[in-house]
Amino acid sequence: MVAGESTDPDQQNIYQRVHWSDGTFEDTLAGIFVFHDQHGHFHIEEYAEYVLEKEFAPGASTRIGQKTSFCLLDTNRIDHKLPNAPKQKVFTRCDDFEFGQGISVGWGDAYRSHLPGQSIDVSGLESGNYLLTIVTDPGNRIQESDDGDNTSTIRIHLDMEAMIVDGLPADGGDPGDPPSDVMIFGIIPATMPAGSVRAVTITGSGFAAGMEVRLINGSGPAPRVSNVNVQDENTITLTLTAKTGGPPRIRIWDLVVGPVTAPQAFTAFP
C-alpha cells in the first residue's frame, strides 16, 4: 500500500509501507500524489508510461503517452485463493490519504480505455506496424520482489488513411508482413449477464465462411460460441452462452475472428 503526507492542497508526498516477516515494517518515499483534474481525484505520479514506436525501427518515431498517473484501487477479484487475499475490497477510494491507495493480494485494478488522458498523438506518423508498450514504475520508485513483469507490449497496425488501429498476433509471422485484410469493427451487443444466452452480431470486413470465432484472454471461462453464420464479408451472426461459476466480478475477453483480434471487445457481468 501507499499513503500520502500533506505538502500542499494539490500535491502530497507518498510513502510505500513494506511489512516484513518479523512483524516490523518500513516506510520509504515512493513519489507524489497529484490531483488529476479530469478524473477529479488524486493519482500516483509516474506510475506507468505508454510508448508507441515503429516495429523494427525503435526510436525512429517514438511517441509517449501523456497520462503517467494512476489511482490504485481494488476493482476486480482475480484469485481469492491466494494467501492473505481479502474476501472484500480493501482499497476503494482515491482521496483517502490516511488509509492510502493500493491493490490487495488476489485483486486487480481494471483501467478502462474510456477513461480520459490515455491517448497518444499519432499525427504525422506513417501507416505500418507498431509496438505499444506499457512500463509500470518506469522510475523504479516502488519496492517489488520481482520487476520482471513490469513491461508489457502488444503489436498493432496503424492505418493513417482509414484512421484504423488493428491488433496483430504477438508472434505475427514474418517481420514487416502487412496486416490481414480481415478487420473487426465491433460486436453487438458487447455485454451480457453471466448465465445468459445472447444472439450477437460481429461487423467488420474480409469475413469468409469457415473462419474461427472465439473469445480469449478473459478472467474466467470464456462464453461458449455456437451457431456461427458468416452472412457476408461484413457480417457474422452467432450465439454466445456466458458461463457461471467463480467469484462474482466483471469479466472481459478479446474477440478473435480468423487471423485478427479485437482487444477487450466483450464483457460479462455478474
C-alpha atoms as a PDB file:
ATOM      1  CA  MET A   1       0.000   0.000   0.000  1.00  0.00           C
ATOM      2  CA  VAL A   2       0.986   3.647  -0.363  1.00  0.00           C
ATOM      3  CA  ALA A   3      -0.161   6.558   1.793  1.00  0.00           C
ATOM      4  CA  GLY A   4       0.137  10.330   1.445  1.00  0.00           C
ATOM      5  CA  GLU A   5       1.640  13.007   3.640  1.00  0.00           C
ATOM      6  CA  SER A   6       0.348  16.566   3.183  1.00  0.00           C
ATOM      7  CA  THR A   7       2.606  19.073   1.456  1.00  0.00           C
ATOM      8  CA  ASP A   8       0.074  21.376  -0.248  1.00  0.00           C
ATOM      9  CA  PRO A   9      -3.563  21.090  -1.435  1.00  0.00           C
ATOM     10  CA  ASP A  10      -2.632  19.793  -4.907  1.00  0.00           C
ATOM     11  CA  GLN A  11       0.380  17.609  -4.148  1.00  0.00           C
ATOM     12  CA  GLN A  12       1.443  15.175  -1.425  1.00  0.00           C
ATOM     13  CA  ASN A  13       4.492  13.013  -0.802  1.00  0.00           C
ATOM     14  CA  ILE A  14       3.605   9.317  -0.799  1.00  0.00           C
ATOM     15  CA  TYR A  15       5.239   6.518   1.153  1.00  0.00           C
ATOM     16  CA  GLN A  16       5.174   2.795   0.486  1.00  0.00           C
ATOM     17  CA  ARG A  17       4.799   0.594   3.552  1.00  0.00           C
ATOM     18  CA  VAL A  18       6.506  -2.799   3.321  1.00  0.00           C
ATOM     19  CA  HIS A  19       5.705  -5.342   6.053  1.00  0.00           C
ATOM     20  CA  TRP A  20       8.496  -7.773   6.955  1.00  0.00           C
ATOM     21  CA  SER A  21       8.135 -11.354   8.177  1.00  0.00           C
ATOM     22  CA  ASP A  22       9.330 -10.420  11.693  1.00  0.00           C
ATOM     23  CA  GLY A  23       6.300  -8.186  12.182  1.00  0.00           C
ATOM     24  CA  THR A  24       8.096  -4.895  11.556  1.00  0.00           C
ATOM     25  CA  PHE A  25       7.516  -2.560   8.619  1.00  0.00           C
ATOM     26  CA  GLU A  26       9.412   0.073   6.676  1.00  0.00           C
ATOM     27  CA  ASP A  27       8.128   3.277   5.048  1.00  0.00           C
ATOM     28  CA  THR A  28      10.038   4.594   2.017  1.00  0.00           C
ATOM     29  CA  LEU A  29       9.411   7.657  -0.151  1.00  0.00           C
ATOM     30  CA  ALA A  30       7.821   6.404  -3.375  1.00  0.00           C
ATOM     31  CA  GLY A  31       6.816   9.574  -5.239  1.00  0.00           C
ATOM     32  CA  ILE A  32       3.993  12.088  -5.043  1.00  0.00           C
ATOM     33  CA  PHE A  33       0.225  12.279  -5.216  1.00  0.00           C
ATOM     34  CA  VAL A  34      -1.079  14.808  -7.755  1.00  0.00           C
ATOM     35  CA  PHE A  35      -4.650  15.950  -8.340  1.00  0.00           C
ATOM     36  CA  HIS A  36      -5.980  14.807 -11.739  1.00  0.00           C
ATOM     37  CA  ASP A  37      -8.449  17.428 -12.984  1.00  0.00           C
ATOM     38  CA  GLN A  38     -10.242  15.159 -15.486  1.00  0.00           C
ATOM     39  CA  HIS A  39     -10.724  12.305 -13.014  1.00  0.00           C
ATOM     40  CA  GLY A  40     -11.388  14.567 -10.022  1.00  0.00           C
ATOM     41  CA  HIS A  41      -9.162  12.769  -7.521  1.00  0.00           C
ATOM     42  CA  PHE A  42      -5.529  12.141  -6.575  1.00  0.00           C
ATOM     43  CA  HIS A  43      -3.228   9.874  -8.585  1.00  0.00           C
ATOM     44  CA  ILE A  44       0.246   8.452  -8.077  1.00  0.00           C
ATOM     45  CA  GLU A  45       2.539  10.371 -10.414  1.00  0.00           C
ATOM     46  CA  GLU A  46       4.849   8.473 -12.817  1.00  0.00           C
ATOM     47  CA  TYR A  47       3.266   5.139 -12.048  1.00  0.00           C
ATOM     48  CA  ALA A  48       3.201   3.927 -15.668  1.00  0.00           C
ATOM     49  CA  GLU A  49       4.316   5.064 -19.104  1.00  0.00           C
ATOM     50  CA  TYR A  50       2.884   4.307 -22.556  1.00  0.00           C
ATOM     51  CA  VAL A  51       5.307   4.178 -25.508  1.00  0.00           C
ATOM     52  CA  LEU A  52       4.441   3.773 -29.208  1.00  0.00           C
ATOM     53  CA  GLU A  53       7.263   3.065 -31.665  1.00  0.00           C
ATOM     54  CA  LYS A  54       7.670   1.643 -35.168  1.00  0.00           C
ATOM     55  CA  GLU A  55       8.282  -2.089 -35.269  1.00  0.00           C
ATOM     56  CA  PHE A  56      11.890  -2.982 -36.176  1.00  0.00           C
ATOM     57  CA  ALA A  57      12.826   0.722 -36.032  1.00  0.00           C
ATOM     58  CA  PRO A  58      12.902   1.553 -32.288  1.00  0.00           C
ATOM     59  CA  GLY A  59      13.263   5.243 -31.554  1.00  0.00           C
ATOM     60  CA  ALA A  60      12.572   6.316 -35.148  1.00  0.00           C
ATOM     61  CA  SER A  61       9.057   7.611 -34.475  1.00  0.00           C
ATOM     62  CA  THR A  62       8.629   7.169 -30.740  1.00  0.00           C
ATOM     63  CA  ARG A  63       5.558   8.732 -29.124  1.00  0.00           C
ATOM     64  CA  ILE A  64       4.965   8.860 -25.373  1.00  0.00           C
ATOM     65  CA  GLY A  65       1.511   8.873 -23.772  1.00  0.00           C
ATOM     66  CA  GLN A  66       0.643  11.945 -21.721  1.00  0.00           C
ATOM     67  CA  LYS A  67      -1.009  10.093 -18.849  1.00  0.00           C
ATOM     68  CA  THR A  68       1.512   8.606 -16.417  1.00  0.00           C
ATOM     69  CA  SER A  69      -0.515   8.866 -13.196  1.00  0.00           C
ATOM     70  CA  PHE A  70      -2.930   6.351 -11.730  1.00  0.00           C
ATOM     71  CA  CYS A  71      -5.260   5.826  -8.784  1.00  0.00           C
ATOM     72  CA  LEU A  72      -4.778   2.338  -7.314  1.00  0.00           C
ATOM     73  CA  LEU A  73      -7.967   0.534  -6.244  1.00  0.00           C
ATOM     74  CA  ASP A  74      -9.349  -2.966  -5.765  1.00  0.00           C
ATOM     75  CA  THR A  75     -11.823  -3.196  -8.679  1.00  0.00           C
ATOM     76  CA  ASN A  76     -11.690  -6.852  -9.796  1.00  0.00           C
ATOM     77  CA  ARG A  77     -11.224 -10.013  -7.762  1.00  0.00           C
ATOM     78  CA  ILE A  78      -8.614 -12.104  -9.596  1.00  0.00           C
ATOM     79  CA  ASP A  79      -7.769 -15.047  -7.311  1.00  0.00           C
ATOM     80  CA  HIS A  80      -9.331 -15.239  -3.855  1.00  0.00           C
ATOM     81  CA  LYS A  81      -7.424 -18.463  -3.083  1.00  0.00           C
ATOM     82  CA  LEU A  82      -4.038 -16.743  -2.825  1.00  0.00           C
ATOM     83  CA  PRO A  83      -2.579 -16.495   0.710  1.00  0.00           C
ATOM     84  CA  ASN A  84      -3.731 -13.339   2.538  1.00  0.00           C
ATOM     85  CA  ALA A  85      -6.196 -12.404  -0.225  1.00  0.00           C
ATOM     86  CA  PRO A  86      -9.123 -10.486   1.372  1.00  0.00           C
ATOM     87  CA  LYS A  87     -12.657 -11.565   0.504  1.00  0.00           C
ATOM     88  CA  GLN A  88     -13.831  -7.969   0.168  1.00  0.00           C
ATOM     89  CA  LYS A  89     -12.301  -4.882  -1.412  1.00  0.00           C
ATOM     90  CA  VAL A  90      -9.857  -3.054   0.860  1.00  0.00           C
ATOM     91  CA  PHE A  91      -8.806  -0.081  -1.262  1.00  0.00           C
ATOM     92  CA  THR A  92     -11.933   1.659  -2.548  1.00  0.00           C
ATOM     93  CA  ARG A  93     -11.216   5.421  -2.567  1.00  0.00           C
ATOM     94  CA  CYS A  94      -8.777   7.726  -4.337  1.00  0.00           C
ATOM     95  CA  ASP A  95      -8.936  10.513  -1.734  1.00  0.00           C
ATOM     96  CA  ASP A  96      -8.288   8.602   1.494  1.00  0.00           C
ATOM     97  CA  PHE A  97      -4.750   9.741   2.251  1.00  0.00           C
ATOM     98  CA  GLU A  98      -4.591   8.400   5.801  1.00  0.00           C
ATOM     99  CA  PHE A  99      -5.533   4.875   4.755  1.00  0.00           C
ATOM    100  CA  GLY A 100      -3.831   5.131   1.361  1.00  0.00           C
ATOM    101  CA  GLN A 101      -4.212   3.575  -2.047  1.00  0.00           C
ATOM    102  CA  GLY A 102      -3.219   0.105  -3.156  1.00  0.00           C
ATOM    103  CA  ILE A 103      -4.122  -3.196  -4.787  1.00  0.00           C
ATOM    104  CA  SER A 104      -4.742  -6.127  -2.427  1.00  0.00           C
ATOM    105  CA  VAL A 105      -3.411  -9.649  -2.825  1.00  0.00           C
ATOM    106  CA  GLY A 106      -5.647 -11.518  -5.266  1.00  0.00           C
ATOM    107  CA  TRP A 107      -7.236  -8.331  -6.612  1.00  0.00           C
ATOM    108  CA  GLY A 108      -6.648  -6.175  -9.685  1.00  0.00           C
ATOM    109  CA  ASP A 109      -7.377  -2.662 -10.902  1.00  0.00           C
ATOM    110  CA  ALA A 110      -9.008  -2.635 -14.364  1.00  0.00           C
ATOM    111  CA  TYR A 111      -8.248   0.665 -16.058  1.00  0.00           C
ATOM    112  CA  ARG A 112     -10.806   1.030 -18.863  1.00  0.00           C
ATOM    113  CA  SER A 113      -9.939   2.603 -22.203  1.00  0.00           C
ATOM    114  CA  HIS A 114     -12.770   5.165 -21.944  1.00  0.00           C
ATOM    115  CA  LEU A 115     -11.125   6.967 -19.008  1.00  0.00           C
ATOM    116  CA  PRO A 116      -9.666  10.309 -20.173  1.00  0.00           C
ATOM    117  CA  GLY A 117      -5.988  11.104 -20.600  1.00  0.00           C
ATOM    118  CA  GLN A 118      -4.741   7.822 -22.085  1.00  0.00           C
ATOM    119  CA  SER A 119      -4.493   8.782 -25.766  1.00  0.00           C
ATOM    120  CA  ILE A 120      -1.278   9.029 -27.800  1.00  0.00           C
ATOM    121  CA  ASP A 121      -0.966  11.638 -30.561  1.00  0.00           C
ATOM    122  CA  VAL A 122      -0.160   9.821 -33.824  1.00  0.00           C
ATOM    123  CA  SER A 123      -0.264  12.909 -36.073  1.00  0.00           C
ATOM    124  CA  GLY A 124       2.399  12.712 -38.767  1.00  0.00           C
ATOM    125  CA  LEU A 125       3.142   9.008 -38.372  1.00  0.00           C
ATOM    126  CA  GLU A 126       3.136   6.733 -41.418  1.00  0.00           C
ATOM    127  CA  SER A 127       0.984   3.641 -41.773  1.00  0.00           C
ATOM    128  CA  GLY A 128       2.609   0.430 -40.638  1.00  0.00           C
ATOM    129  CA  ASN A 129       3.194  -1.978 -37.784  1.00  0.00           C
ATOM    130  CA  TYR A 130       3.959  -0.537 -34.363  1.00  0.00           C
ATOM    131  CA  LEU A 131       4.708  -1.729 -30.839  1.00  0.00           C
ATOM    132  CA  LEU A 132       2.631  -0.296 -27.983  1.00  0.00           C
ATOM    133  CA  THR A 133       4.393  -0.793 -24.655  1.00  0.00           C
ATOM    134  CA  ILE A 134       3.291  -0.041 -21.108  1.00  0.00           C
ATOM    135  CA  VAL A 135       6.034   0.221 -18.493  1.00  0.00           C
ATOM    136  CA  THR A 136       4.934   0.099 -14.854  1.00  0.00           C
ATOM    137  CA  ASP A 137       7.009   2.086 -12.349  1.00  0.00           C
ATOM    138  CA  PRO A 138       9.445   3.410 -15.001  1.00  0.00           C
ATOM    139  CA  GLY A 139      11.408   5.327 -12.357  1.00  0.00           C
ATOM    140  CA  ASN A 140      11.757   2.217 -10.143  1.00  0.00           C
ATOM    141  CA  ARG A 141      10.311   4.026  -7.132  1.00  0.00           C
ATOM    142  CA  ILE A 142       8.138   1.148  -5.867  1.00  0.00           C
ATOM    143  CA  GLN A 143       9.818  -1.704  -3.997  1.00  0.00           C
ATOM    144  CA  GLU A 144       8.918  -5.060  -5.572  1.00  0.00           C
ATOM    145  CA  SER A 145      10.091  -8.619  -5.074  1.00  0.00           C
ATOM    146  CA  ASP A 146      10.258  -9.033  -8.874  1.00  0.00           C
ATOM    147  CA  ASP A 147      10.430  -6.306 -11.535  1.00  0.00           C
ATOM    148  CA  GLY A 148      10.416  -8.822 -14.383  1.00  0.00           C
ATOM    149  CA  ASP A 149       6.743  -8.339 -15.291  1.00  0.00           C
ATOM    150  CA  ASN A 150       6.718  -4.532 -15.309  1.00  0.00           C
ATOM    151  CA  THR A 151       6.780  -4.233 -19.114  1.00  0.00           C
ATOM    152  CA  SER A 152       4.077  -5.455 -21.485  1.00  0.00           C
ATOM    153  CA  THR A 153       3.987  -4.973 -25.269  1.00  0.00           C
ATOM    154  CA  ILE A 154       1.363  -5.567 -27.975  1.00  0.00           C
ATOM    155  CA  ARG A 155       1.695  -5.317 -31.766  1.00  0.00           C
ATOM    156  CA  ILE A 156      -0.701  -3.091 -33.716  1.00  0.00           C
ATOM    157  CA  HIS A 157      -1.140  -1.940 -37.301  1.00  0.00           C
ATOM    158  CA  LEU A 158      -1.791   1.762 -37.805  1.00  0.00           C
ATOM    159  CA  ASP A 159      -3.668   2.733 -40.991  1.00  0.00           C
ATOM    160  CA  MET A 160      -3.378   6.515 -41.203  1.00  0.00           C
ATOM    161  CA  GLU A 161      -5.567   6.857 -44.318  1.00  0.00           C
ATOM    162  CA  ALA A 162      -8.506   4.920 -42.881  1.00  0.00           C
ATOM    163  CA  MET A 163      -7.757   6.086 -39.304  1.00  0.00           C
ATOM    164  CA  ILE A 164      -7.971   2.490 -38.037  1.00  0.00           C
ATOM    165  CA  VAL A 165      -5.895   0.690 -35.414  1.00  0.00           C
ATOM    166  CA  ASP A 166      -5.871  -3.091 -35.714  1.00  0.00           C
ATOM    167  CA  GLY A 167      -4.381  -5.587 -33.262  1.00  0.00           C
ATOM    168  CA  LEU A 168      -1.779  -8.050 -34.579  1.00  0.00           C
ATOM    169  CA  PRO A 169      -0.780 -11.510 -33.294  1.00  0.00           C
ATOM    170  CA  ALA A 170       2.068 -11.438 -30.806  1.00  0.00           C
ATOM    171  CA  ASP A 171       4.243 -13.751 -32.926  1.00  0.00           C
ATOM    172  CA  GLY A 172       2.894 -12.084 -36.138  1.00  0.00           C
ATOM    173  CA  GLY A 173       4.557 -14.106 -38.908  1.00  0.00           C
ATOM    174  CA  ASP A 174       7.477 -12.726 -40.844  1.00  0.00           C
ATOM    175  CA  PRO A 175       8.813  -9.293 -39.789  1.00  0.00           C
ATOM    176  CA  GLY A 176       7.109  -6.471 -41.639  1.00  0.00           C
ATOM    177  CA  ASP A 177       4.278  -8.599 -43.039  1.00  0.00           C
ATOM    178  CA  PRO A 178       1.238  -6.430 -43.854  1.00  0.00           C
ATOM    179  CA  PRO A 179      -1.828  -6.995 -41.697  1.00  0.00           C
ATOM    180  CA  SER A 180      -4.617  -9.305 -42.735  1.00  0.00           C
ATOM    181  CA  ASP A 181      -7.441  -7.954 -44.884  1.00  0.00           C
ATOM    182  CA  VAL A 182      -9.787  -9.049 -42.078  1.00  0.00           C
ATOM    183  CA  MET A 183     -10.872  -6.248 -39.744  1.00  0.00           C
ATOM    184  CA  ILE A 184     -13.224  -6.231 -36.739  1.00  0.00           C
ATOM    185  CA  PHE A 185     -15.347  -3.106 -36.309  1.00  0.00           C
ATOM    186  CA  GLY A 186     -17.436  -4.244 -33.341  1.00  0.00           C
ATOM    187  CA  ILE A 187     -19.703  -6.792 -31.663  1.00  0.00           C
ATOM    188  CA  ILE A 188     -23.357  -6.034 -30.799  1.00  0.00           C
ATOM    189  CA  PRO A 189     -24.305  -6.378 -28.007  1.00  0.00           C
ATOM    190  CA  ALA A 190     -20.892  -6.146 -26.364  1.00  0.00           C
ATOM    191  CA  THR A 191     -22.077  -7.119 -22.859  1.00  0.00           C
ATOM    192  CA  MET A 192     -24.259  -9.783 -21.267  1.00  0.00           C
ATOM    193  CA  PRO A 193     -25.052 -11.142 -17.802  1.00  0.00           C
ATOM    194  CA  ALA A 194     -23.326 -14.317 -16.640  1.00  0.00           C
ATOM    195  CA  GLY A 195     -25.527 -17.377 -17.116  1.00  0.00           C
ATOM    196  CA  SER A 196     -27.439 -15.918 -20.056  1.00  0.00           C
ATOM    197  CA  VAL A 197     -27.622 -16.623 -23.788  1.00  0.00           C
ATOM    198  CA  ARG A 198     -27.425 -13.885 -26.439  1.00  0.00           C
ATOM    199  CA  ALA A 199     -27.626 -13.661 -30.213  1.00  0.00           C
ATOM    200  CA  VAL A 200     -24.843 -11.294 -31.280  1.00  0.00           C
ATOM    201  CA  THR A 201     -23.599  -9.713 -34.494  1.00  0.00           C
ATOM    202  CA  ILE A 202     -19.975  -9.025 -35.418  1.00  0.00           C
ATOM    203  CA  THR A 203     -19.324  -6.330 -38.023  1.00  0.00           C
ATOM    204  CA  GLY A 204     -16.127  -5.835 -39.974  1.00  0.00           C
ATOM    205  CA  SER A 205     -14.579  -6.638 -43.341  1.00  0.00           C
ATOM    206  CA  GLY A 206     -12.914  -9.566 -45.054  1.00  0.00           C
ATOM    207  CA  PHE A 207     -15.035 -12.221 -43.319  1.00  0.00           C
ATOM    208  CA  ALA A 208     -15.209 -15.632 -45.028  1.00  0.00           C
ATOM    209  CA  ALA A 209     -17.002 -18.919 -44.382  1.00  0.00           C
ATOM    210  CA  GLY A 210     -15.186 -21.241 -42.001  1.00  0.00           C
ATOM    211  CA  MET A 211     -13.359 -18.503 -40.078  1.00  0.00           C
ATOM    212  CA  GLU A 212     -12.670 -19.249 -36.427  1.00  0.00           C
ATOM    213  CA  VAL A 213     -14.602 -17.082 -33.946  1.00  0.00           C
ATOM    214  CA  ARG A 214     -13.735 -17.219 -30.242  1.00  0.00           C
ATOM    215  CA  LEU A 215     -13.202 -15.208 -27.054  1.00  0.00           C
ATOM    216  CA  ILE A 216      -9.797 -15.384 -25.340  1.00  0.00           C
ATOM    217  CA  ASN A 217      -7.655 -13.880 -22.556  1.00  0.00           C
ATOM    218  CA  GLY A 218     -10.521 -13.287 -20.139  1.00  0.00           C
ATOM    219  CA  SER A 219     -10.602 -13.659 -16.363  1.00  0.00           C
ATOM    220  CA  GLY A 220     -12.561 -16.894 -16.231  1.00  0.00           C
ATOM    221  CA  PRO A 221     -14.223 -19.432 -18.556  1.00  0.00           C
ATOM    222  CA  ALA A 222     -14.999 -17.760 -21.885  1.00  0.00           C
ATOM    223  CA  PRO A 223     -18.593 -17.655 -23.181  1.00  0.00           C
ATOM    224  CA  ARG A 224     -19.374 -20.588 -25.490  1.00  0.00           C
ATOM    225  CA  VAL A 225     -19.631 -19.714 -29.188  1.00  0.00           C
ATOM    226  CA  SER A 226     -22.232 -21.543 -31.292  1.00  0.00           C
ATOM    227  CA  ASN A 227     -24.392 -21.141 -34.407  1.00  0.00           C
ATOM    228  CA  VAL A 228     -21.718 -19.155 -36.259  1.00  0.00           C
ATOM    229  CA  ASN A 229     -23.083 -17.826 -39.566  1.00  0.00           C
ATOM    230  CA  VAL A 230     -20.967 -15.725 -41.941  1.00  0.00           C
ATOM    231  CA  GLN A 231     -23.727 -13.769 -43.685  1.00  0.00           C
ATOM    232  CA  ASP A 232     -21.335 -11.857 -45.930  1.00  0.00           C
ATOM    233  CA  GLU A 233     -17.847 -10.360 -45.836  1.00  0.00           C
ATOM    234  CA  ASN A 234     -19.024  -7.680 -43.394  1.00  0.00           C
ATOM    235  CA  THR A 235     -21.340  -9.571 -41.025  1.00  0.00           C
ATOM    236  CA  ILE A 236     -21.154 -12.621 -38.767  1.00  0.00           C
ATOM    237  CA  THR A 237     -24.009 -13.733 -36.503  1.00  0.00           C
ATOM    238  CA  LEU A 238     -23.632 -16.242 -33.670  1.00  0.00           C
ATOM    239  CA  THR A 239     -24.884 -17.265 -30.244  1.00  0.00           C
ATOM    240  CA  LEU A 240     -22.946 -16.677 -27.030  1.00  0.00           C
ATOM    241  CA  THR A 241     -23.593 -18.526 -23.790  1.00  0.00           C
ATOM    242  CA  ALA A 242     -21.964 -16.820 -20.790  1.00  0.00           C
ATOM    243  CA  LYS A 243     -20.888 -19.356 -18.192  1.00  0.00           C
ATOM    244  CA  THR A 244     -21.338 -19.067 -14.440  1.00  0.00           C
ATOM    245  CA  GLY A 245     -19.039 -20.051 -11.605  1.00  0.00           C
ATOM    246  CA  GLY A 246     -16.227 -18.430  -9.675  1.00  0.00           C
ATOM    247  CA  PRO A 247     -16.434 -15.199  -7.704  1.00  0.00           C
ATOM    248  CA  PRO A 248     -18.896 -12.555  -8.956  1.00  0.00           C
ATOM    249  CA  ARG A 249     -16.969  -9.980 -10.957  1.00  0.00           C
ATOM    250  CA  ILE A 250     -16.876  -8.303 -14.334  1.00  0.00           C
ATOM    251  CA  ARG A 251     -15.066 -10.439 -16.920  1.00  0.00           C
ATOM    252  CA  ILE A 252     -13.647  -9.087 -20.186  1.00  0.00           C
ATOM    253  CA  TRP A 253     -12.389 -11.020 -23.222  1.00  0.00           C
ATOM    254  CA  ASP A 254     -10.603 -10.337 -26.504  1.00  0.00           C
ATOM    255  CA  LEU A 255     -12.572 -11.243 -29.653  1.00  0.00           C
ATOM    256  CA  VAL A 256     -10.835 -13.347 -32.319  1.00  0.00           C
ATOM    257  CA  VAL A 257     -12.145 -13.586 -35.877  1.00  0.00           C
ATOM    258  CA  GLY A 258      -9.859 -15.529 -38.199  1.00  0.00           C
ATOM    259  CA  PRO A 259      -6.362 -14.013 -38.030  1.00  0.00           C
ATOM    260  CA  VAL A 260      -7.208 -10.804 -36.139  1.00  0.00           C
ATOM    261  CA  THR A 261      -8.008  -9.927 -32.524  1.00  0.00           C
ATOM    262  CA  ALA A 262     -10.068  -7.061 -31.079  1.00  0.00           C
ATOM    263  CA  PRO A 263      -8.778  -6.426 -27.526  1.00  0.00           C
ATOM    264  CA  GLN A 264     -11.282  -6.211 -24.632  1.00  0.00           C
ATOM    265  CA  ALA A 265     -14.228  -6.422 -27.023  1.00  0.00           C
ATOM    266  CA  PHE A 266     -16.759  -8.351 -24.899  1.00  0.00           C
ATOM    267  CA  THR A 267     -17.832  -8.168 -21.258  1.00  0.00           C
ATOM    268  CA  ALA A 268     -19.871 -10.447 -18.992  1.00  0.00           C
ATOM    269  CA  PHE A 269     -21.085  -9.054 -15.683  1.00  0.00           C
ATOM    270  CA  PRO A 270     -22.494 -10.665 -12.512  1.00  0.00           C
END
